[in-house]
């Protein structure tokens, strides 16, 4: 029984790592597009702003599809 629980815990490790990475990327992107902290680089229309908005939107996609990632990540992690 303990072996099955440990295997399930190992399978949960894959999606949880992905969520922590996506959360860090969202926070970095929000800081990088804050004009108070970055200055003129963070004005809309600059390459800097556009790049970090793409990163932020991609990271939010991970959270918006959380259920799907668990459904896919559990079988991958348990194999």
PDB file of N, CA and C in Angstrom:
ATOM      1  N   UNK A   1       0.821  -1.201   0.000  1.00  0.00           N
ATOM      2  CA  UNK A   1       0.000   0.000   0.000  1.00  0.00           C
ATOM      3  C   UNK A   1       0.862   1.261   0.000  1.00  0.00           C
ATOM      4  N   UNK A   2       1.910   1.245   0.823  1.00  0.00           N
ATOM      5  CA  UNK A   2       2.787   2.404   0.908  1.00  0.00           C
ATOM      6  C   UNK A   2       3.479   2.676  -0.434  1.00  0.00           C
ATOM      7  N   UNK A   3       3.777   1.601  -1.159  1.00  0.00           N
ATOM      8  CA  UNK A   3       4.430   1.761  -2.463  1.00  0.00           C
ATOM      9  C   UNK A   3       3.512   2.479  -3.448  1.00  0.00           C
ATOM     10  N   UNK A   4       2.221   2.173  -3.409  1.00  0.00           N
ATOM     11  CA  UNK A   4       1.268   2.832  -4.295  1.00  0.00           C
ATOM     12  C   UNK A   4       1.124   4.314  -3.954  1.00  0.00           C
ATOM     13  N   UNK A   5       1.121   4.632  -2.678  1.00  0.00           N
ATOM     14  CA  UNK A   5       1.026   6.034  -2.255  1.00  0.00           C
ATOM     15  C   UNK A   5       2.270   6.802  -2.674  1.00  0.00           C
ATOM     16  N   UNK A   6       3.440   6.179  -2.528  1.00  0.00           N
ATOM     17  CA  UNK A   6       4.681   6.836  -2.939  1.00  0.00           C
ATOM     18  C   UNK A   6       4.717   7.033  -4.454  1.00  0.00           C
ATOM     19  N   UNK A   7       4.208   6.069  -5.185  1.00  0.00           N
ATOM     20  CA  UNK A   7       4.167   6.203  -6.649  1.00  0.00           C
ATOM     21  C   UNK A   7       3.240   7.346  -7.070  1.00  0.00           C
ATOM     22  N   UNK A   8       2.088   7.459  -6.390  1.00  0.00           N
ATOM     23  CA  UNK A   8       1.166   8.562  -6.671  1.00  0.00           C
ATOM     24  C   UNK A   8       1.803   9.903  -6.334  1.00  0.00           C
ATOM     25  N   UNK A   9       2.515   9.968  -5.217  1.00  0.00           N
ATOM     26  CA  UNK A   9       3.214  11.203  -4.840  1.00  0.00           C
ATOM     27  C   UNK A   9       4.260  11.597  -5.864  1.00  0.00           C
ATOM     28  N   UNK A  10       4.963  10.624  -6.390  1.00  0.00           N
ATOM     29  CA  UNK A  10       5.941  10.902  -7.441  1.00  0.00           C
ATOM     30  C   UNK A  10       5.285  11.387  -8.725  1.00  0.00           C
ATOM     31  N   UNK A  11       4.111  10.851  -9.022  1.00  0.00           N
ATOM     32  CA  UNK A  11       3.386  11.275 -10.221  1.00  0.00           C
ATOM     33  C   UNK A  11       2.862  12.703 -10.061  1.00  0.00           C
ATOM     34  N   UNK A  12       2.515  13.091  -8.853  1.00  0.00           N
ATOM     35  CA  UNK A  12       2.023  14.462  -8.610  1.00  0.00           C
ATOM     36  C   UNK A  12       3.143  15.485  -8.716  1.00  0.00           C
ATOM     37  N   UNK A  13       4.374  15.028  -8.615  1.00  0.00           N
ATOM     38  CA  UNK A  13       5.523  15.921  -8.631  1.00  0.00           C
ATOM     39  C   UNK A  13       5.651  16.654  -9.962  1.00  0.00           C
ATOM     40  N   UNK A  14       5.324  16.002 -11.070  1.00  0.00           N
ATOM     41  CA  UNK A  14       5.466  16.607 -12.402  1.00  0.00           C
ATOM     42  C   UNK A  14       4.580  17.831 -12.591  1.00  0.00           C
ATOM     43  N   UNK A  15       3.257  17.752 -12.369  1.00  0.00           N
ATOM     44  CA  UNK A  15       2.441  18.952 -12.562  1.00  0.00           C
ATOM     45  C   UNK A  15       2.738  20.047 -11.546  1.00  0.00           C
ATOM     46  N   UNK A  16       3.078  19.671 -10.334  1.00  0.00           N
ATOM     47  CA  UNK A  16       3.351  20.682  -9.309  1.00  0.00           C
ATOM     48  C   UNK A  16       4.598  21.490  -9.662  1.00  0.00           C
ATOM     49  N   UNK A  17       5.610  20.848 -10.188  1.00  0.00           N
ATOM     50  CA  UNK A  17       6.806  21.572 -10.626  1.00  0.00           C
ATOM     51  C   UNK A  17       6.474  22.550 -11.755  1.00  0.00           C
ATOM     52  N   UNK A  18       5.621  22.136 -12.652  1.00  0.00           N
ATOM     53  CA  UNK A  18       5.224  23.004 -13.758  1.00  0.00           C
ATOM     54  C   UNK A  18       4.484  24.238 -13.238  1.00  0.00           C
ATOM     55  N   UNK A  19       3.626  24.057 -12.236  1.00  0.00           N
ATOM     56  CA  UNK A  19       2.871  25.185 -11.690  1.00  0.00           C
ATOM     57  C   UNK A  19       3.778  26.165 -10.956  1.00  0.00           C
ATOM     58  N   UNK A  20       4.754  25.663 -10.239  1.00  0.00           N
ATOM     59  CA  UNK A  20       5.655  26.575  -9.539  1.00  0.00           C
ATOM     60  C   UNK A  20       6.494  27.378 -10.536  1.00  0.00           C
ATOM     61  N   UNK A  21       6.951  26.733 -11.606  1.00  0.00           N
ATOM     62  CA  UNK A  21       7.708  27.450 -12.623  1.00  0.00           C
ATOM     63  C   UNK A  21       6.844  28.511 -13.311  1.00  0.00           C
ATOM     64  N   UNK A  22       5.609  28.153 -13.628  1.00  0.00           N
ATOM     65  CA  UNK A  22       4.703  29.113 -14.279  1.00  0.00           C
ATOM     66  C   UNK A  22       4.410  30.288 -13.350  1.00  0.00           C
ATOM     67  N   UNK A  23       4.255  30.032 -12.064  1.00  0.00           N
ATOM     68  CA  UNK A  23       4.016  31.114 -11.107  1.00  0.00           C
ATOM     69  C   UNK A  23       5.191  32.067 -11.018  1.00  0.00           C
ATOM     70  N   UNK A  24       6.395  31.530 -11.026  1.00  0.00           N
ATOM     71  CA  UNK A  24       7.588  32.381 -11.006  1.00  0.00           C
ATOM     72  C   UNK A  24       7.658  33.218 -12.275  1.00  0.00           C
ATOM     73  N   UNK A  25       7.338  32.626 -13.409  1.00  0.00           N
ATOM     74  CA  UNK A  25       7.383  33.363 -14.672  1.00  0.00           C
ATOM     75  C   UNK A  25       6.327  34.464 -14.727  1.00  0.00           C
ATOM     76  N   UNK A  26       5.135  34.219 -14.181  1.00  0.00           N
ATOM     77  CA  UNK A  26       4.104  35.259 -14.125  1.00  0.00           C
ATOM     78  C   UNK A  26       4.592  36.424 -13.280  1.00  0.00           C
ATOM     79  N   UNK A  27       5.178  36.129 -12.145  1.00  0.00           N
ATOM     80  CA  UNK A  27       5.637  37.213 -11.264  1.00  0.00           C
ATOM     81  C   UNK A  27       6.777  38.007 -11.888  1.00  0.00           C
ATOM     82  N   UNK A  28       7.712  37.345 -12.539  1.00  0.00           N
ATOM     83  CA  UNK A  28       8.808  38.057 -13.203  1.00  0.00           C
ATOM     84  C   UNK A  28       8.265  38.923 -14.336  1.00  0.00           C
ATOM     85  N   UNK A  29       7.313  38.401 -15.109  1.00  0.00           N
ATOM     86  CA  UNK A  29       6.740  39.164 -16.215  1.00  0.00           C
ATOM     87  C   UNK A  29       5.986  40.388 -15.715  1.00  0.00           C
ATOM     88  N   UNK A  30       5.265  40.251 -14.603  1.00  0.00           N
ATOM     89  CA  UNK A  30       4.537  41.394 -14.060  1.00  0.00           C
ATOM     90  C   UNK A  30       5.510  42.466 -13.577  1.00  0.00           C
ATOM     91  N   UNK A  31       6.576  42.051 -12.931  1.00  0.00           N
ATOM     92  CA  UNK A  31       7.582  43.018 -12.478  1.00  0.00           C
ATOM     93  C   UNK A  31       8.266  43.675 -13.672  1.00  0.00           C
ATOM     94  N   UNK A  32       8.561  42.899 -14.714  1.00  0.00           N
ATOM     95  CA  UNK A  32       9.272  43.433 -15.879  1.00  0.00           C
ATOM     96  C   UNK A  32       8.417  44.392 -16.697  1.00  0.00           C
ATOM     97  N   UNK A  33       7.097  44.334 -16.566  1.00  0.00           N
ATOM     98  CA  UNK A  33       6.233  45.255 -17.316  1.00  0.00           C
ATOM     99  C   UNK A  33       5.685  46.374 -16.437  1.00  0.00           C
ATOM    100  N   UNK A  34       6.223  46.523 -15.256  1.00  0.00           N
ATOM    101  CA  UNK A  34       5.805  47.586 -14.349  1.00  0.00           C
ATOM    102  C   UNK A  34       6.635  48.837 -14.626  1.00  0.00           C
ATOM    103  N   UNK A  35       6.026  49.913 -15.126  1.00  0.00           N
ATOM    104  CA  UNK A  35       6.803  51.106 -15.480  1.00  0.00           C
ATOM    105  C   UNK A  35       7.414  51.803 -14.272  1.00  0.00           C
ATOM    106  N   UNK A  36       6.889  51.594 -13.083  1.00  0.00           N
ATOM    107  CA  UNK A  36       7.476  52.204 -11.893  1.00  0.00           C
ATOM    108  C   UNK A  36       8.835  51.584 -11.589  1.00  0.00           C
ATOM    109  N   UNK A  37       8.977  50.301 -11.822  1.00  0.00           N
ATOM    110  CA  UNK A  37      10.227  49.612 -11.518  1.00  0.00           C
ATOM    111  C   UNK A  37      11.220  49.625 -12.674  1.00  0.00           C
ATOM    112  N   UNK A  38      10.737  49.495 -13.896  1.00  0.00           N
ATOM    113  CA  UNK A  38      11.620  49.355 -15.049  1.00  0.00           C
ATOM    114  C   UNK A  38      11.803  50.662 -15.807  1.00  0.00           C
ATOM    115  N   UNK A  39      10.853  51.559 -15.718  1.00  0.00           N
ATOM    116  CA  UNK A  39      10.950  52.844 -16.398  1.00  0.00           C
ATOM    117  C   UNK A  39      10.380  52.800 -17.804  1.00  0.00           C
ATOM    118  N   UNK A  40      11.065  53.474 -18.712  1.00  0.00           N
ATOM    119  CA  UNK A  40      10.565  53.616 -20.081  1.00  0.00           C
ATOM    120  C   UNK A  40      10.567  52.308 -20.877  1.00  0.00           C
ATOM    121  N   UNK A  41      11.323  51.319 -20.426  1.00  0.00           N
ATOM    122  CA  UNK A  41      11.301  50.022 -21.115  1.00  0.00           C
ATOM    123  C   UNK A  41       9.924  49.381 -21.070  1.00  0.00           C
ATOM    124  N   UNK A  42       9.177  49.660 -20.020  1.00  0.00           N
ATOM    125  CA  UNK A  42       7.893  48.990 -19.800  1.00  0.00           C
ATOM    126  C   UNK A  42       6.707  49.719 -20.414  1.00  0.00           C
ATOM    127  N   UNK A  43       6.967  50.660 -21.298  1.00  0.00           N
ATOM    128  CA  UNK A  43       5.851  51.327 -21.976  1.00  0.00           C
ATOM    129  C   UNK A  43       5.288  50.400 -23.043  1.00  0.00           C
ATOM    130  N   UNK A  44       3.966  50.456 -23.227  1.00  0.00           N
ATOM    131  CA  UNK A  44       3.328  49.616 -24.240  1.00  0.00           C
ATOM    132  C   UNK A  44       3.886  49.927 -25.621  1.00  0.00           C
ATOM    133  N   UNK A  45       4.110  48.869 -26.390  1.00  0.00           N
ATOM    134  CA  UNK A  45       4.609  49.025 -27.752  1.00  0.00           C
ATOM    135  C   UNK A  45       6.098  48.756 -27.890  1.00  0.00           C
ATOM    136  N   UNK A  46       6.845  48.727 -26.796  1.00  0.00           N
ATOM    137  CA  UNK A  46       8.279  48.425 -26.891  1.00  0.00           C
ATOM    138  C   UNK A  46       8.480  46.918 -27.016  1.00  0.00           C
ATOM    139  N   UNK A  47       9.623  46.539 -27.537  1.00  0.00           N
ATOM    140  CA  UNK A  47       9.943  45.119 -27.682  1.00  0.00           C
ATOM    141  C   UNK A  47       9.996  44.453 -26.309  1.00  0.00           C
ATOM    142  N   UNK A  48      10.574  45.154 -25.332  1.00  0.00           N
ATOM    143  CA  UNK A  48      10.657  44.645 -23.961  1.00  0.00           C
ATOM    144  C   UNK A  48       9.258  44.309 -23.433  1.00  0.00           C
ATOM    145  N   UNK A  49       8.349  45.229 -23.560  1.00  0.00           N
ATOM    146  CA  UNK A  49       6.981  45.051 -23.060  1.00  0.00           C
ATOM    147  C   UNK A  49       6.283  43.903 -23.784  1.00  0.00           C
ATOM    148  N   UNK A  50       6.410  43.872 -25.104  1.00  0.00           N
ATOM    149  CA  UNK A  50       5.751  42.821 -25.892  1.00  0.00           C
ATOM    150  C   UNK A  50       6.287  41.433 -25.538  1.00  0.00           C
ATOM    151  N   UNK A  51       7.607  41.333 -25.351  1.00  0.00           N
ATOM    152  CA  UNK A  51       8.204  40.048 -24.984  1.00  0.00           C
ATOM    153  C   UNK A  51       7.667  39.554 -23.649  1.00  0.00           C
ATOM    154  N   UNK A  52       7.643  40.414 -22.647  1.00  0.00           N
ATOM    155  CA  UNK A  52       7.204  39.995 -21.317  1.00  0.00           C
ATOM    156  C   UNK A  52       5.705  39.754 -21.265  1.00  0.00           C
ATOM    157  N   UNK A  53       4.931  40.423 -22.102  1.00  0.00           N
ATOM    158  CA  UNK A  53       3.502  40.139 -22.159  1.00  0.00           C
ATOM    159  C   UNK A  53       3.251  38.752 -22.759  1.00  0.00           C
ATOM    160  N   UNK A  54       4.047  38.363 -23.737  1.00  0.00           N
ATOM    161  CA  UNK A  54       3.931  37.021 -24.312  1.00  0.00           C
ATOM    162  C   UNK A  54       4.280  35.966 -23.263  1.00  0.00           C
ATOM    163  N   UNK A  55       5.352  36.215 -22.502  1.00  0.00           N
ATOM    164  CA  UNK A  55       5.746  35.289 -21.437  1.00  0.00           C
ATOM    165  C   UNK A  55       4.645  35.202 -20.386  1.00  0.00           C
ATOM    166  N   UNK A  56       4.082  36.345 -20.004  1.00  0.00           N
ATOM    167  CA  UNK A  56       3.021  36.359 -18.997  1.00  0.00           C
ATOM    168  C   UNK A  56       1.777  35.603 -19.479  1.00  0.00           C
ATOM    169  N   UNK A  57       1.370  35.858 -20.714  1.00  0.00           N
ATOM    170  CA  UNK A  57       0.188  35.165 -21.247  1.00  0.00           C
ATOM    171  C   UNK A  57       0.416  33.656 -21.356  1.00  0.00           C
ATOM    172  N   UNK A  58       1.622  33.262 -21.745  1.00  0.00           N
ATOM    173  CA  UNK A  58       1.936  31.838 -21.801  1.00  0.00           C
ATOM    174  C   UNK A  58       1.914  31.185 -20.434  1.00  0.00           C
ATOM    175  N   UNK A  59       2.393  31.904 -19.437  1.00  0.00           N
ATOM    176  CA  UNK A  59       2.388  31.367 -18.078  1.00  0.00           C
ATOM    177  C   UNK A  59       0.970  31.267 -17.528  1.00  0.00           C
ATOM    178  N   UNK A  60       0.138  32.248 -17.833  1.00  0.00           N
ATOM    179  CA  UNK A  60      -1.259  32.172 -17.389  1.00  0.00           C
ATOM    180  C   UNK A  60      -1.996  31.024 -18.073  1.00  0.00           C
ATOM    181  N   UNK A  61      -1.558  30.655 -19.268  1.00  0.00           N
ATOM    182  CA  UNK A  61      -2.171  29.529 -19.968  1.00  0.00           C
ATOM    183  C   UNK A  61      -2.011  28.238 -19.173  1.00  0.00           C
ATOM    184  N   UNK A  62      -0.859  28.092 -18.518  1.00  0.00           N
ATOM    185  CA  UNK A  62      -0.642  26.911 -17.681  1.00  0.00           C
ATOM    186  C   UNK A  62      -1.684  26.857 -16.573  1.00  0.00           C
ATOM    187  N   UNK A  63      -1.955  27.973 -15.919  1.00  0.00           N
ATOM    188  CA  UNK A  63      -2.925  27.981 -14.831  1.00  0.00           C
ATOM    189  C   UNK A  63      -4.359  27.824 -15.344  1.00  0.00           C
ATOM    190  N   UNK A  64      -4.636  28.348 -16.516  1.00  0.00           N
ATOM    191  CA  UNK A  64      -5.985  28.215 -17.075  1.00  0.00           C
ATOM    192  C   UNK A  64      -6.306  26.784 -17.495  1.00  0.00           C
ATOM    193  N   UNK A  65      -5.280  25.993 -17.754  1.00  0.00           N
ATOM    194  CA  UNK A  65      -5.468  24.603 -18.170  1.00  0.00           C
ATOM    195  C   UNK A  65      -4.977  23.625 -17.102  1.00  0.00           C
ATOM    196  N   UNK A  66      -5.123  24.007 -15.855  1.00  0.00           N
ATOM    197  CA  UNK A  66      -4.595  23.216 -14.748  1.00  0.00           C
ATOM    198  C   UNK A  66      -5.160  21.788 -14.719  1.00  0.00           C
ATOM    199  N   UNK A  67      -6.450  21.644 -14.929  1.00  0.00           N
ATOM    200  CA  UNK A  67      -7.062  20.318 -14.880  1.00  0.00           C
ATOM    201  C   UNK A  67      -6.492  19.405 -15.957  1.00  0.00           C
ATOM    202  N   UNK A  68      -6.351  19.942 -17.151  1.00  0.00           N
ATOM    203  CA  UNK A  68      -5.818  19.159 -18.261  1.00  0.00           C
ATOM    204  C   UNK A  68      -4.378  18.732 -17.983  1.00  0.00           C
ATOM    205  N   UNK A  69      -3.593  19.614 -17.395  1.00  0.00           N
ATOM    206  CA  UNK A  69      -2.206  19.280 -17.098  1.00  0.00           C
ATOM    207  C   UNK A  69      -2.105  18.188 -16.030  1.00  0.00           C
ATOM    208  N   UNK A  70      -3.026  18.184 -15.068  1.00  0.00           N
ATOM    209  CA  UNK A  70      -3.027  17.093 -14.088  1.00  0.00           C
ATOM    210  C   UNK A  70      -3.416  15.774 -14.759  1.00  0.00           C
ATOM    211  N   UNK A  71      -4.391  15.818 -15.653  1.00  0.00           N
ATOM    212  CA  UNK A  71      -4.832  14.593 -16.331  1.00  0.00           C
ATOM    213  C   UNK A  71      -3.719  14.026 -17.188  1.00  0.00           C
ATOM    214  N   UNK A  72      -2.940  14.883 -17.807  1.00  0.00           N
ATOM    215  CA  UNK A  72      -1.837  14.415 -18.656  1.00  0.00           C
ATOM    216  C   UNK A  72      -0.605  14.094 -17.818  1.00  0.00           C
ATOM    217  N   UNK A  73      -0.323  14.908 -16.788  1.00  0.00           N
ATOM    218  CA  UNK A  73       0.896  14.748 -16.005  1.00  0.00           C
ATOM    219  C   UNK A  73       0.899  13.522 -15.107  1.00  0.00           C
ATOM    220  N   UNK A  74      -0.255  13.130 -14.589  1.00  0.00           N
ATOM    221  CA  UNK A  74      -0.290  11.966 -13.694  1.00  0.00           C
ATOM    222  C   UNK A  74       0.098  10.665 -14.388  1.00  0.00           C
ATOM    223  N   UNK A  75      -0.456  10.372 -15.566  1.00  0.00           N
ATOM    224  CA  UNK A  75      -0.017   9.128 -16.227  1.00  0.00           C
ATOM    225  C   UNK A  75       1.453   9.171 -16.660  1.00  0.00           C
ATOM    226  N   UNK A  76       1.918  10.342 -17.068  1.00  0.00           N
ATOM    227  CA  UNK A  76       3.318  10.455 -17.478  1.00  0.00           C
ATOM    228  C   UNK A  76       4.225  10.233 -16.270  1.00  0.00           C
ATOM    229  N   UNK A  77       3.864  10.833 -15.144  1.00  0.00           N
ATOM    230  CA  UNK A  77       4.683  10.685 -13.947  1.00  0.00           C
ATOM    231  C   UNK A  77       4.625   9.308 -13.330  1.00  0.00           C
ATOM    232  N   UNK A  78       3.546   8.585 -13.529  1.00  0.00           N
ATOM    233  CA  UNK A  78       3.418   7.267 -12.921  1.00  0.00           C
ATOM    234  C   UNK A  78       3.989   6.148 -13.791  1.00  0.00           C
ATOM    235  N   UNK A  79       4.371   6.457 -15.006  1.00  0.00           N
ATOM    236  CA  UNK A  79       4.918   5.402 -15.875  1.00  0.00           C
ATOM    237  C   UNK A  79       6.400   5.221 -15.689  1.00  0.00           C
TER     238      UNK A  79
END
